[in-house]
Amino acid sequence: MSPKNSSADRARLISVGVLILCLASVAGHLAIRVAMVGTLSRKLGKATQTELAGLVQAKQDAEAKFQAALLDAEAAVREGRAEKVRAQEFQRRQAMEAGFAQSPGEKRLLEMAKVSQDPSLDPAGRLQKLAKLASPKSSGVRVSPVKKGYMVEVAVPLSSIQAETHGGRRDTNDVHREVRRVVAGIMRDLFGFGAAAGLQSVEVSCQQQVEVRGAGLGAEKRQEYRELYRAKLEPPSPANFNWLAMNRIEILPWAHVTNDEFTRMVSR
């Protein structure tokens, strides 16, 4: 064998050896990957089964509680306990217990009930605080003495009244409806908690802030308020009505509307 052939054979053997080592390395990596995938699959299978078992158990527990509550409700009706529970709950709600106040509106009424019985406030101060609670934020409030007691005036900014929008634009009819609803709510709540403090009348206006330029060239712009709606409620005997049992729709016909720009806007 010539030296040239011997060198070629040696190079071929080295190449074959390197190829075998590469294939062995790849096979080793593949075996490790297969083992990892198998382990991960087993873990996921166990986790999925555990999660499924937990969901099934939770559903069974909820069903058991529901059936127990159903049986207890049936027994309460037979034994007369349900009527007693309802009567007790009604009394607690009438007493305005804090535990029944869930929504912001209910919490506000609860706060107004506390203010109406606060001995540290005189009647005018009590009505001032009640009017602030009954009105949207940033509303102006004024309490004035009248012949038999007090009159409360509330100025509500239009920007604080949330009305439905249609394609990003507020419809005048929707705004008008919401303004009347807010005004009626202020009147009802104020009389409901303030009649005992000598409240005789409530006048509520809705105002819009507008930009006005003064007369003459170069005159500066200034902010003014344009009145859009005003109504007054002055019942003959404020303390003789259960105001809080009335809804806003029942309040509105009693109010005397002295200005309504919304009606003019719609009719144009």
C-alpha atoms as a PDB file:
ATOM      1  CA  MET A   1       0.000   0.000   0.000  1.00  0.00           C
ATOM      2  CA  SER A   2       1.427   3.349  -1.022  1.00  0.00           C
ATOM      3  CA  PRO A   3       1.781   6.200   1.468  1.00  0.00           C
ATOM      4  CA  LYS A   4      -0.735   8.186  -0.566  1.00  0.00           C
ATOM      5  CA  ASN A   5      -3.462   5.519  -0.223  1.00  0.00           C
ATOM      6  CA  SER A   6      -2.692   5.120   3.465  1.00  0.00           C
ATOM      7  CA  SER A   7      -3.255   8.835   4.092  1.00  0.00           C
ATOM      8  CA  ALA A   8      -6.544   8.737   2.194  1.00  0.00           C
ATOM      9  CA  ASP A   9      -7.766   5.760   4.223  1.00  0.00           C
ATOM     10  CA  ARG A  10      -6.776   7.469   7.451  1.00  0.00           C
ATOM     11  CA  ALA A  11      -8.663  10.650   6.508  1.00  0.00           C
ATOM     12  CA  ARG A  12     -11.712   8.562   5.556  1.00  0.00           C
ATOM     13  CA  LEU A  13     -11.641   6.788   8.918  1.00  0.00           C
ATOM     14  CA  ILE A  14     -11.370  10.104  10.784  1.00  0.00           C
ATOM     15  CA  SER A  15     -14.331  11.530   8.840  1.00  0.00           C
ATOM     16  CA  VAL A  16     -16.393   8.408   9.567  1.00  0.00           C
ATOM     17  CA  GLY A  17     -15.453   8.651  13.263  1.00  0.00           C
ATOM     18  CA  VAL A  18     -16.425  12.313  13.455  1.00  0.00           C
ATOM     19  CA  LEU A  19     -19.746  11.549  11.712  1.00  0.00           C
ATOM     20  CA  ILE A  20     -20.446   8.723  14.161  1.00  0.00           C
ATOM     21  CA  LEU A  21     -19.698  11.012  17.121  1.00  0.00           C
ATOM     22  CA  CYS A  22     -22.003  13.701  15.719  1.00  0.00           C
ATOM     23  CA  LEU A  23     -24.804  11.188  15.181  1.00  0.00           C
ATOM     24  CA  ALA A  24     -24.310   9.861  18.717  1.00  0.00           C
ATOM     25  CA  SER A  25     -24.487  13.405  20.120  1.00  0.00           C
ATOM     26  CA  VAL A  26     -27.666  14.148  18.167  1.00  0.00           C
ATOM     27  CA  ALA A  27     -29.195  10.863  19.310  1.00  0.00           C
ATOM     28  CA  GLY A  28     -28.307  11.733  22.912  1.00  0.00           C
ATOM     29  CA  HIS A  29     -29.935  15.160  22.639  1.00  0.00           C
ATOM     30  CA  LEU A  30     -33.033  13.653  21.056  1.00  0.00           C
ATOM     31  CA  ALA A  31     -33.268  11.086  23.849  1.00  0.00           C
ATOM     32  CA  ILE A  32     -33.035  13.862  26.468  1.00  0.00           C
ATOM     33  CA  ARG A  33     -35.700  15.921  24.666  1.00  0.00           C
ATOM     34  CA  VAL A  34     -38.018  12.894  24.404  1.00  0.00           C
ATOM     35  CA  ALA A  35     -37.547  12.219  28.113  1.00  0.00           C
ATOM     36  CA  MET A  36     -38.289  15.885  28.997  1.00  0.00           C
ATOM     37  CA  VAL A  37     -41.413  15.933  26.831  1.00  0.00           C
ATOM     38  CA  GLY A  38     -42.601  12.690  28.430  1.00  0.00           C
ATOM     39  CA  THR A  39     -42.043  14.039  31.944  1.00  0.00           C
ATOM     40  CA  LEU A  40     -43.802  17.307  31.097  1.00  0.00           C
ATOM     41  CA  SER A  41     -46.744  15.456  29.562  1.00  0.00           C
ATOM     42  CA  ARG A  42     -47.131  13.314  32.680  1.00  0.00           C
ATOM     43  CA  LYS A  43     -47.012  16.394  34.904  1.00  0.00           C
ATOM     44  CA  LEU A  44     -49.566  18.232  32.774  1.00  0.00           C
ATOM     45  CA  GLY A  45     -51.788  15.165  32.788  1.00  0.00           C
ATOM     46  CA  LYS A  46     -51.666  14.991  36.573  1.00  0.00           C
ATOM     47  CA  ALA A  47     -52.299  18.781  36.878  1.00  0.00           C
ATOM     48  CA  THR A  48     -55.245  18.599  34.492  1.00  0.00           C
ATOM     49  CA  GLN A  49     -56.755  15.682  36.361  1.00  0.00           C
ATOM     50  CA  THR A  50     -56.270  17.453  39.708  1.00  0.00           C
ATOM     51  CA  GLU A  51     -57.840  20.646  38.367  1.00  0.00           C
ATOM     52  CA  LEU A  52     -60.767  18.731  36.899  1.00  0.00           C
ATOM     53  CA  ALA A  53     -61.299  16.874  40.156  1.00  0.00           C
ATOM     54  CA  GLY A  54     -61.274  20.225  42.022  1.00  0.00           C
ATOM     55  CA  LEU A  55     -63.898  21.695  39.675  1.00  0.00           C
ATOM     56  CA  VAL A  56     -66.116  18.638  40.055  1.00  0.00           C
ATOM     57  CA  GLN A  57     -65.821  18.813  43.852  1.00  0.00           C
ATOM     58  CA  ALA A  58     -66.595  22.551  43.889  1.00  0.00           C
ATOM     59  CA  LYS A  59     -69.684  21.976  41.756  1.00  0.00           C
ATOM     60  CA  GLN A  60     -70.856  19.189  44.044  1.00  0.00           C
ATOM     61  CA  ASP A  61     -70.333  21.395  47.125  1.00  0.00           C
ATOM     62  CA  ALA A  62     -72.278  24.266  45.546  1.00  0.00           C
ATOM     63  CA  GLU A  63     -75.130  21.951  44.588  1.00  0.00           C
ATOM     64  CA  ALA A  64     -75.221  20.511  48.129  1.00  0.00           C
ATOM     65  CA  LYS A  65     -75.406  24.032  49.628  1.00  0.00           C
ATOM     66  CA  PHE A  66     -78.161  25.013  47.199  1.00  0.00           C
ATOM     67  CA  GLN A  67     -80.227  21.943  48.040  1.00  0.00           C
ATOM     68  CA  ALA A  68     -79.754  22.567  51.766  1.00  0.00           C
ATOM     69  CA  ALA A  69     -80.854  26.201  51.379  1.00  0.00           C
ATOM     70  CA  LEU A  70     -83.860  25.059  49.336  1.00  0.00           C
ATOM     71  CA  LEU A  71     -84.927  22.595  52.021  1.00  0.00           C
ATOM     72  CA  ASP A  72     -84.453  25.224  54.723  1.00  0.00           C
ATOM     73  CA  ALA A  73     -86.541  27.744  52.755  1.00  0.00           C
ATOM     74  CA  GLU A  74     -89.371  25.195  52.379  1.00  0.00           C
ATOM     75  CA  ALA A  75     -89.233  24.436  56.095  1.00  0.00           C
ATOM     76  CA  ALA A  76     -89.226  28.176  56.908  1.00  0.00           C
ATOM     77  CA  VAL A  77     -92.427  28.677  54.900  1.00  0.00           C
ATOM     78  CA  ARG A  78     -94.149  25.740  56.620  1.00  0.00           C
ATOM     79  CA  GLU A  79     -93.086  26.866  60.073  1.00  0.00           C
ATOM     80  CA  GLY A  80     -93.851  30.550  59.540  1.00  0.00           C
ATOM     81  CA  ARG A  81     -90.239  31.599  59.994  1.00  0.00           C
ATOM     82  CA  ALA A  82     -90.033  33.248  56.550  1.00  0.00           C
ATOM     83  CA  GLU A  83     -92.671  35.866  57.353  1.00  0.00           C
ATOM     84  CA  LYS A  84     -90.950  36.701  60.619  1.00  0.00           C
ATOM     85  CA  VAL A  85     -87.573  37.044  58.906  1.00  0.00           C
ATOM     86  CA  ARG A  86     -89.048  39.339  56.256  1.00  0.00           C
ATOM     87  CA  ALA A  87     -90.663  41.520  58.919  1.00  0.00           C
ATOM     88  CA  GLN A  88     -87.394  41.773  60.833  1.00  0.00           C
ATOM     89  CA  GLU A  89     -85.467  42.634  57.686  1.00  0.00           C
ATOM     90  CA  PHE A  90     -88.019  45.305  56.741  1.00  0.00           C
ATOM     91  CA  GLN A  91     -87.671  46.887  60.192  1.00  0.00           C
ATOM     92  CA  ARG A  92     -83.888  46.866  59.885  1.00  0.00           C
ATOM     93  CA  ARG A  93     -84.070  48.460  56.447  1.00  0.00           C
ATOM     94  CA  GLN A  94     -86.479  51.102  57.767  1.00  0.00           C
ATOM     95  CA  ALA A  95     -83.953  51.808  60.516  1.00  0.00           C
ATOM     96  CA  MET A  96     -81.315  52.202  57.751  1.00  0.00           C
ATOM     97  CA  GLU A  97     -78.795  49.762  59.163  1.00  0.00           C
ATOM     98  CA  ALA A  98     -75.376  50.167  57.605  1.00  0.00           C
ATOM     99  CA  GLY A  99     -75.182  46.489  56.639  1.00  0.00           C
ATOM    100  CA  PHE A 100     -77.871  46.958  53.974  1.00  0.00           C
ATOM    101  CA  ALA A 101     -76.106  49.885  52.252  1.00  0.00           C
ATOM    102  CA  GLN A 102     -74.403  48.386  49.185  1.00  0.00           C
ATOM    103  CA  SER A 103     -74.575  50.923  46.356  1.00  0.00           C
ATOM    104  CA  PRO A 104     -73.203  54.500  46.478  1.00  0.00           C
ATOM    105  CA  GLY A 105     -76.796  55.785  46.442  1.00  0.00           C
ATOM    106  CA  GLU A 106     -77.768  53.696  49.465  1.00  0.00           C
ATOM    107  CA  LYS A 107     -74.645  54.797  51.351  1.00  0.00           C
ATOM    108  CA  ARG A 108     -75.450  58.430  50.551  1.00  0.00           C
ATOM    109  CA  LEU A 109     -78.992  58.051  51.924  1.00  0.00           C
ATOM    110  CA  LEU A 110     -77.573  56.446  55.057  1.00  0.00           C
ATOM    111  CA  GLU A 111     -75.239  59.404  55.524  1.00  0.00           C
ATOM    112  CA  MET A 112     -78.160  61.812  55.044  1.00  0.00           C
ATOM    113  CA  ALA A 113     -80.138  59.933  57.702  1.00  0.00           C
ATOM    114  CA  LYS A 114     -77.250  60.396  60.160  1.00  0.00           C
ATOM    115  CA  VAL A 115     -76.956  64.112  59.345  1.00  0.00           C
ATOM    116  CA  SER A 116     -80.703  64.626  59.819  1.00  0.00           C
ATOM    117  CA  GLN A 117     -80.358  63.409  63.413  1.00  0.00           C
ATOM    118  CA  ASP A 118     -77.061  65.136  64.243  1.00  0.00           C
ATOM    119  CA  PRO A 119     -77.678  67.228  67.413  1.00  0.00           C
ATOM    120  CA  SER A 120     -74.477  69.222  66.890  1.00  0.00           C
ATOM    121  CA  LEU A 121     -75.947  71.003  63.841  1.00  0.00           C
ATOM    122  CA  ASP A 122     -78.536  73.758  63.888  1.00  0.00           C
ATOM    123  CA  PRO A 123     -81.394  73.505  61.347  1.00  0.00           C
ATOM    124  CA  ALA A 124     -79.683  75.733  58.763  1.00  0.00           C
ATOM    125  CA  GLY A 125     -76.382  73.862  59.034  1.00  0.00           C
ATOM    126  CA  ARG A 126     -78.199  70.541  58.820  1.00  0.00           C
ATOM    127  CA  LEU A 127     -80.023  71.596  55.650  1.00  0.00           C
ATOM    128  CA  GLN A 128     -76.773  72.902  54.147  1.00  0.00           C
ATOM    129  CA  LYS A 129     -75.076  69.556  54.687  1.00  0.00           C
ATOM    130  CA  LEU A 130     -78.108  67.575  53.499  1.00  0.00           C
ATOM    131  CA  ALA A 131     -78.282  69.633  50.294  1.00  0.00           C
ATOM    132  CA  LYS A 132     -74.609  68.922  49.584  1.00  0.00           C
ATOM    133  CA  LEU A 133     -75.190  65.186  50.012  1.00  0.00           C
ATOM    134  CA  ALA A 134     -78.362  65.213  47.892  1.00  0.00           C
ATOM    135  CA  SER A 135     -76.762  67.078  44.982  1.00  0.00           C
ATOM    136  CA  PRO A 136     -74.056  66.161  42.464  1.00  0.00           C
ATOM    137  CA  LYS A 137     -70.536  67.220  43.323  1.00  0.00           C
ATOM    138  CA  SER A 138     -69.570  70.841  42.570  1.00  0.00           C
ATOM    139  CA  SER A 139     -73.210  71.964  42.964  1.00  0.00           C
ATOM    140  CA  GLY A 140     -73.811  75.315  44.636  1.00  0.00           C
ATOM    141  CA  VAL A 141     -76.044  75.363  47.721  1.00  0.00           C
ATOM    142  CA  ARG A 142     -77.690  78.252  49.567  1.00  0.00           C
ATOM    143  CA  VAL A 143     -79.953  78.047  52.635  1.00  0.00           C
ATOM    144  CA  SER A 144     -82.149  81.075  53.331  1.00  0.00           C
ATOM    145  CA  PRO A 145     -84.610  81.698  56.193  1.00  0.00           C
ATOM    146  CA  VAL A 146     -88.261  82.185  55.210  1.00  0.00           C
ATOM    147  CA  LYS A 147     -91.414  82.890  57.169  1.00  0.00           C
ATOM    148  CA  LYS A 148     -91.999  79.371  58.569  1.00  0.00           C
ATOM    149  CA  GLY A 149     -88.545  77.848  58.255  1.00  0.00           C
ATOM    150  CA  TYR A 150     -85.971  77.622  55.479  1.00  0.00           C
ATOM    151  CA  MET A 151     -85.637  77.600  51.717  1.00  0.00           C
ATOM    152  CA  VAL A 152     -82.853  75.670  49.967  1.00  0.00           C
ATOM    153  CA  GLU A 153     -81.533  76.665  46.535  1.00  0.00           C
ATOM    154  CA  VAL A 154     -79.317  74.269  44.577  1.00  0.00           C
ATOM    155  CA  ALA A 155     -77.422  75.108  41.365  1.00  0.00           C
ATOM    156  CA  VAL A 156     -76.365  71.964  39.485  1.00  0.00           C
ATOM    157  CA  PRO A 157     -73.716  72.242  36.726  1.00  0.00           C
ATOM    158  CA  LEU A 158     -74.750  70.521  33.524  1.00  0.00           C
ATOM    159  CA  SER A 159     -71.292  68.894  33.327  1.00  0.00           C
ATOM    160  CA  SER A 160     -72.106  66.804  36.419  1.00  0.00           C
ATOM    161  CA  ILE A 161     -75.191  65.236  34.827  1.00  0.00           C
ATOM    162  CA  GLN A 162     -74.506  62.002  32.955  1.00  0.00           C
ATOM    163  CA  ALA A 163     -76.843  61.354  30.029  1.00  0.00           C
ATOM    164  CA  GLU A 164     -76.808  58.686  27.322  1.00  0.00           C
ATOM    165  CA  THR A 165     -74.710  59.349  24.245  1.00  0.00           C
ATOM    166  CA  HIS A 166     -75.444  58.342  20.657  1.00  0.00           C
ATOM    167  CA  GLY A 167     -72.299  58.005  18.574  1.00  0.00           C
ATOM    168  CA  GLY A 168     -70.391  60.283  20.951  1.00  0.00           C
ATOM    169  CA  ARG A 169     -73.139  62.924  20.861  1.00  0.00           C
ATOM    170  CA  ARG A 170     -75.648  63.630  23.628  1.00  0.00           C
ATOM    171  CA  ASP A 171     -79.235  63.953  22.479  1.00  0.00           C
ATOM    172  CA  THR A 172     -81.085  66.997  23.866  1.00  0.00           C
ATOM    173  CA  ASN A 173     -84.135  64.925  24.832  1.00  0.00           C
ATOM    174  CA  ASP A 174     -81.977  62.493  26.825  1.00  0.00           C
ATOM    175  CA  VAL A 175     -80.199  65.347  28.610  1.00  0.00           C
ATOM    176  CA  HIS A 176     -83.542  67.010  29.378  1.00  0.00           C
ATOM    177  CA  ARG A 177     -84.922  63.768  30.809  1.00  0.00           C
ATOM    178  CA  GLU A 178     -81.849  63.213  32.984  1.00  0.00           C
ATOM    179  CA  VAL A 179     -81.883  66.819  34.253  1.00  0.00           C
ATOM    180  CA  ARG A 180     -85.512  66.475  35.361  1.00  0.00           C
ATOM    181  CA  ARG A 181     -84.716  63.142  37.019  1.00  0.00           C
ATOM    182  CA  VAL A 182     -81.786  64.632  38.961  1.00  0.00           C
ATOM    183  CA  VAL A 183     -83.829  67.669  40.009  1.00  0.00           C
ATOM    184  CA  ALA A 184     -86.691  65.477  41.248  1.00  0.00           C
ATOM    185  CA  GLY A 185     -84.256  63.282  43.184  1.00  0.00           C
ATOM    186  CA  ILE A 186     -82.714  66.282  44.957  1.00  0.00           C
ATOM    187  CA  MET A 187     -86.145  67.573  45.937  1.00  0.00           C
ATOM    188  CA  ARG A 188     -87.346  64.193  47.216  1.00  0.00           C
ATOM    189  CA  ASP A 189     -84.245  63.429  49.274  1.00  0.00           C
ATOM    190  CA  LEU A 190     -84.047  66.920  50.743  1.00  0.00           C
ATOM    191  CA  PHE A 191     -87.648  66.894  51.899  1.00  0.00           C
ATOM    192  CA  GLY A 192     -87.312  63.294  53.049  1.00  0.00           C
ATOM    193  CA  PHE A 193     -84.540  64.158  55.508  1.00  0.00           C
ATOM    194  CA  GLY A 194     -84.964  67.902  55.937  1.00  0.00           C
ATOM    195  CA  ALA A 195     -88.678  68.463  56.536  1.00  0.00           C
ATOM    196  CA  ALA A 196     -88.169  67.951  60.270  1.00  0.00           C
ATOM    197  CA  ALA A 197     -85.551  70.754  60.237  1.00  0.00           C
ATOM    198  CA  GLY A 198     -88.118  73.273  58.975  1.00  0.00           C
ATOM    199  CA  LEU A 199     -87.548  72.921  55.234  1.00  0.00           C
ATOM    200  CA  GLN A 200     -90.366  74.734  53.400  1.00  0.00           C
ATOM    201  CA  SER A 201     -89.269  74.883  49.770  1.00  0.00           C
ATOM    202  CA  VAL A 202     -86.544  73.624  47.433  1.00  0.00           C
ATOM    203  CA  GLU A 203     -85.552  75.373  44.205  1.00  0.00           C
ATOM    204  CA  VAL A 204     -83.150  73.598  41.849  1.00  0.00           C
ATOM    205  CA  SER A 205     -81.552  74.992  38.706  1.00  0.00           C
ATOM    206  CA  CYS A 206     -79.303  73.421  36.077  1.00  0.00           C
ATOM    207  CA  GLN A 207     -76.638  75.686  34.636  1.00  0.00           C
ATOM    208  CA  GLN A 208     -74.140  75.415  31.800  1.00  0.00           C
ATOM    209  CA  GLN A 209     -70.787  77.155  31.832  1.00  0.00           C
ATOM    210  CA  VAL A 210     -70.243  79.179  28.655  1.00  0.00           C
ATOM    211  CA  GLU A 211     -67.446  81.386  27.353  1.00  0.00           C
ATOM    212  CA  VAL A 212     -68.402  84.996  26.636  1.00  0.00           C
ATOM    213  CA  ARG A 213     -66.270  87.694  24.989  1.00  0.00           C
ATOM    214  CA  GLY A 214     -66.667  91.248  26.218  1.00  0.00           C
ATOM    215  CA  ALA A 215     -67.677  94.141  23.976  1.00  0.00           C
ATOM    216  CA  GLY A 216     -65.084  95.892  21.821  1.00  0.00           C
ATOM    217  CA  LEU A 217     -61.958  94.789  20.013  1.00  0.00           C
ATOM    218  CA  GLY A 218     -59.415  92.866  22.041  1.00  0.00           C
ATOM    219  CA  ALA A 219     -61.883  92.219  24.852  1.00  0.00           C
ATOM    220  CA  GLU A 220     -61.008  89.233  26.997  1.00  0.00           C
ATOM    221  CA  LYS A 221     -63.145  86.153  27.230  1.00  0.00           C
ATOM    222  CA  ARG A 222     -64.820  85.274  30.535  1.00  0.00           C
ATOM    223  CA  GLN A 223     -66.742  82.338  31.940  1.00  0.00           C
ATOM    224  CA  GLU A 224     -70.430  82.781  32.712  1.00  0.00           C
ATOM    225  CA  TYR A 225     -73.291  80.453  33.598  1.00  0.00           C
ATOM    226  CA  ARG A 226     -76.353  80.023  31.414  1.00  0.00           C
ATOM    227  CA  GLU A 227     -79.451  78.711  33.169  1.00  0.00           C
ATOM    228  CA  LEU A 228     -81.073  75.845  31.261  1.00  0.00           C
ATOM    229  CA  TYR A 229     -83.685  74.619  33.740  1.00  0.00           C
ATOM    230  CA  ARG A 230     -85.243  75.754  37.025  1.00  0.00           C
ATOM    231  CA  ALA A 231     -88.011  74.239  39.118  1.00  0.00           C
ATOM    232  CA  LYS A 232     -89.371  74.854  42.609  1.00  0.00           C
ATOM    233  CA  LEU A 233     -91.213  72.557  45.004  1.00  0.00           C
ATOM    234  CA  GLU A 234     -93.151  74.156  47.867  1.00  0.00           C
ATOM    235  CA  PRO A 235     -95.622  71.658  49.377  1.00  0.00           C
ATOM    236  CA  PRO A 236     -98.311  72.964  51.758  1.00  0.00           C
ATOM    237  CA  SER A 237     -97.283  70.640  54.618  1.00  0.00           C
ATOM    238  CA  PRO A 238     -93.775  69.224  53.978  1.00  0.00           C
ATOM    239  CA  ALA A 239     -93.670  67.099  57.139  1.00  0.00           C
ATOM    240  CA  ASN A 240     -96.924  65.280  56.353  1.00  0.00           C
ATOM    241  CA  PHE A 241     -95.591  63.255  53.407  1.00  0.00           C
ATOM    242  CA  ASN A 242     -93.542  60.067  53.281  1.00  0.00           C
ATOM    243  CA  TRP A 243     -91.136  61.513  50.723  1.00  0.00           C
ATOM    244  CA  LEU A 244     -88.708  58.622  50.632  1.00  0.00           C
ATOM    245  CA  ALA A 245     -91.490  56.207  49.623  1.00  0.00           C
ATOM    246  CA  MET A 246     -92.169  58.280  46.486  1.00  0.00           C
ATOM    247  CA  ASN A 247     -90.302  57.860  43.218  1.00  0.00           C
ATOM    248  CA  ARG A 248     -88.973  60.670  41.070  1.00  0.00           C
ATOM    249  CA  ILE A 249     -91.831  60.440  38.556  1.00  0.00           C
ATOM    250  CA  GLU A 250     -94.308  61.157  41.360  1.00  0.00           C
ATOM    251  CA  ILE A 251     -92.311  64.194  42.477  1.00  0.00           C
ATOM    252  CA  LEU A 252     -92.075  65.925  39.091  1.00  0.00           C
ATOM    253  CA  PRO A 253     -95.779  66.906  38.664  1.00  0.00           C
ATOM    254  CA  TRP A 254     -95.654  68.712  42.011  1.00  0.00           C
ATOM    255  CA  ALA A 255     -92.736  70.922  40.989  1.00  0.00           C
ATOM    256  CA  HIS A 256     -93.360  74.312  39.395  1.00  0.00           C
ATOM    257  CA  VAL A 257     -91.053  74.785  36.383  1.00  0.00           C
ATOM    258  CA  THR A 258     -90.092  78.444  35.933  1.00  0.00           C
ATOM    259  CA  ASN A 259     -87.523  78.038  33.137  1.00  0.00           C
ATOM    260  CA  ASP A 260     -86.934  75.260  30.607  1.00  0.00           C
ATOM    261  CA  GLU A 261     -84.497  76.052  27.806  1.00  0.00           C
ATOM    262  CA  PHE A 262     -84.460  72.409  26.693  1.00  0.00           C
ATOM    263  CA  THR A 263     -88.061  72.686  25.447  1.00  0.00           C
ATOM    264  CA  ARG A 264     -87.064  75.634  23.292  1.00  0.00           C
ATOM    265  CA  MET A 265     -84.031  73.761  21.931  1.00  0.00           C
ATOM    266  CA  VAL A 266     -86.136  70.778  20.889  1.00  0.00           C
ATOM    267  CA  SER A 267     -88.893  72.875  19.301  1.00  0.00           C
ATOM    268  CA  ARG A 268     -86.482  74.828  17.085  1.00  0.00           C
END
